[in-house]
Amino acid sequence: MAFTLEGNYKWGNFFYNVSYAVSDITGCAMSSDGLRLNVQAMANSQAVLMAIETEDGTISGFSHF
């Protein structure tokens, strides 16, 4: 799933980091200031957290567990 700058989502797209795709987004929440979207997801059978900047859609933070 991917997000547009307007906050709409599109199925079938993937965010990539390192050598595996983020395939399932399990939750998301907008920050209180509206500057980033925080996303919980699964990638390579591991839980990941991402911070996506709402202005341009870039991933500003990525952690996997």
C-alpha atoms as a PDB file:
ATOM      1  CA  MET A   1       0.000   0.000   0.000  1.00  0.00           C
ATOM      2  CA  ALA A   2       1.241   3.521  -0.725  1.00  0.00           C
ATOM      3  CA  PHE A   3      -0.033   6.934   0.323  1.00  0.00           C
ATOM      4  CA  THR A   4      -0.480   9.989  -1.857  1.00  0.00           C
ATOM      5  CA  LEU A   5       0.276  13.494  -0.596  1.00  0.00           C
ATOM      6  CA  GLU A   6      -3.473  14.013  -0.145  1.00  0.00           C
ATOM      7  CA  GLY A   7      -3.620  11.110   2.342  1.00  0.00           C
ATOM      8  CA  ASN A   8      -5.227   8.624  -0.042  1.00  0.00           C
ATOM      9  CA  TYR A   9      -3.848   5.122  -0.252  1.00  0.00           C
ATOM     10  CA  LYS A  10      -3.130   2.941  -3.265  1.00  0.00           C
ATOM     11  CA  TRP A  11      -2.993  -0.851  -2.959  1.00  0.00           C
ATOM     12  CA  GLY A  12      -0.318  -2.891  -4.670  1.00  0.00           C
ATOM     13  CA  ASN A  13       2.650  -0.580  -4.120  1.00  0.00           C
ATOM     14  CA  PHE A  14       5.532  -1.280  -1.773  1.00  0.00           C
ATOM     15  CA  PHE A  15       7.899   0.838   0.287  1.00  0.00           C
ATOM     16  CA  TYR A  16      11.426  -0.523   0.100  1.00  0.00           C
ATOM     17  CA  ASN A  17      14.257  -0.315   2.585  1.00  0.00           C
ATOM     18  CA  VAL A  18      17.329  -2.532   2.688  1.00  0.00           C
ATOM     19  CA  SER A  19      16.700  -5.661   0.635  1.00  0.00           C
ATOM     20  CA  TYR A  20      13.082  -6.551   1.381  1.00  0.00           C
ATOM     21  CA  ALA A  21       9.666  -5.016   0.751  1.00  0.00           C
ATOM     22  CA  VAL A  22       7.209  -3.764   3.341  1.00  0.00           C
ATOM     23  CA  SER A  23       4.257  -5.885   2.351  1.00  0.00           C
ATOM     24  CA  ASP A  24       1.545  -5.505   5.017  1.00  0.00           C
ATOM     25  CA  ILE A  25       0.585  -2.294   6.818  1.00  0.00           C
ATOM     26  CA  THR A  26      -1.214  -3.209  10.041  1.00  0.00           C
ATOM     27  CA  GLY A  27      -1.845   0.245  11.496  1.00  0.00           C
ATOM     28  CA  CYS A  28      -1.216   3.940  11.061  1.00  0.00           C
ATOM     29  CA  ALA A  29      -1.684   7.195  12.966  1.00  0.00           C
ATOM     30  CA  MET A  30      -1.137  10.836  12.036  1.00  0.00           C
ATOM     31  CA  SER A  31       1.143  12.808  14.349  1.00  0.00           C
ATOM     32  CA  SER A  32      -0.592  15.512  16.389  1.00  0.00           C
ATOM     33  CA  ASP A  33       1.118  18.258  14.350  1.00  0.00           C
ATOM     34  CA  GLY A  34       0.126  16.609  11.045  1.00  0.00           C
ATOM     35  CA  LEU A  35       3.723  16.529   9.785  1.00  0.00           C
ATOM     36  CA  ARG A  36       4.155  12.763   9.632  1.00  0.00           C
ATOM     37  CA  LEU A  37       2.226   9.535   9.378  1.00  0.00           C
ATOM     38  CA  ASN A  38       3.442   6.788  11.711  1.00  0.00           C
ATOM     39  CA  VAL A  39       2.963   3.303  10.263  1.00  0.00           C
ATOM     40  CA  GLN A  40       3.141  -0.193  11.764  1.00  0.00           C
ATOM     41  CA  ALA A  41       3.878  -2.856   9.185  1.00  0.00           C
ATOM     42  CA  MET A  42       5.387  -6.262   8.413  1.00  0.00           C
ATOM     43  CA  ALA A  43       8.438  -6.820   6.232  1.00  0.00           C
ATOM     44  CA  ASN A  44      10.367 -10.031   5.772  1.00  0.00           C
ATOM     45  CA  SER A  45       8.242 -11.576   8.587  1.00  0.00           C
ATOM     46  CA  GLN A  46       9.438  -8.839  10.982  1.00  0.00           C
ATOM     47  CA  ALA A  47       7.515  -5.962  12.538  1.00  0.00           C
ATOM     48  CA  VAL A  48       8.579  -2.523  11.304  1.00  0.00           C
ATOM     49  CA  LEU A  49       7.744   1.054  12.275  1.00  0.00           C
ATOM     50  CA  MET A  50       7.999   3.870   9.744  1.00  0.00           C
ATOM     51  CA  ALA A  51       7.557   7.630   9.887  1.00  0.00           C
ATOM     52  CA  ILE A  52       6.376   9.090   6.566  1.00  0.00           C
ATOM     53  CA  GLU A  53       6.599  12.831   5.966  1.00  0.00           C
ATOM     54  CA  THR A  54       3.204  14.175   4.865  1.00  0.00           C
ATOM     55  CA  GLU A  55       4.659  17.008   2.801  1.00  0.00           C
ATOM     56  CA  ASP A  56       6.509  14.851   0.280  1.00  0.00           C
ATOM     57  CA  GLY A  57       5.925  11.178   1.204  1.00  0.00           C
ATOM     58  CA  THR A  58       9.548  10.444   2.134  1.00  0.00           C
ATOM     59  CA  ILE A  59      10.294   7.903   4.843  1.00  0.00           C
ATOM     60  CA  SER A  60      12.093   9.788   7.612  1.00  0.00           C
ATOM     61  CA  GLY A  61      12.323   6.906  10.064  1.00  0.00           C
ATOM     62  CA  PHE A  62      12.461   3.127   9.770  1.00  0.00           C
ATOM     63  CA  SER A  63      12.963   0.538  12.525  1.00  0.00           C
ATOM     64  CA  HIS A  64      12.549  -3.223  12.389  1.00  0.00           C
ATOM     65  CA  PHE A  65      12.235  -5.704  15.245  1.00  0.00           C
END
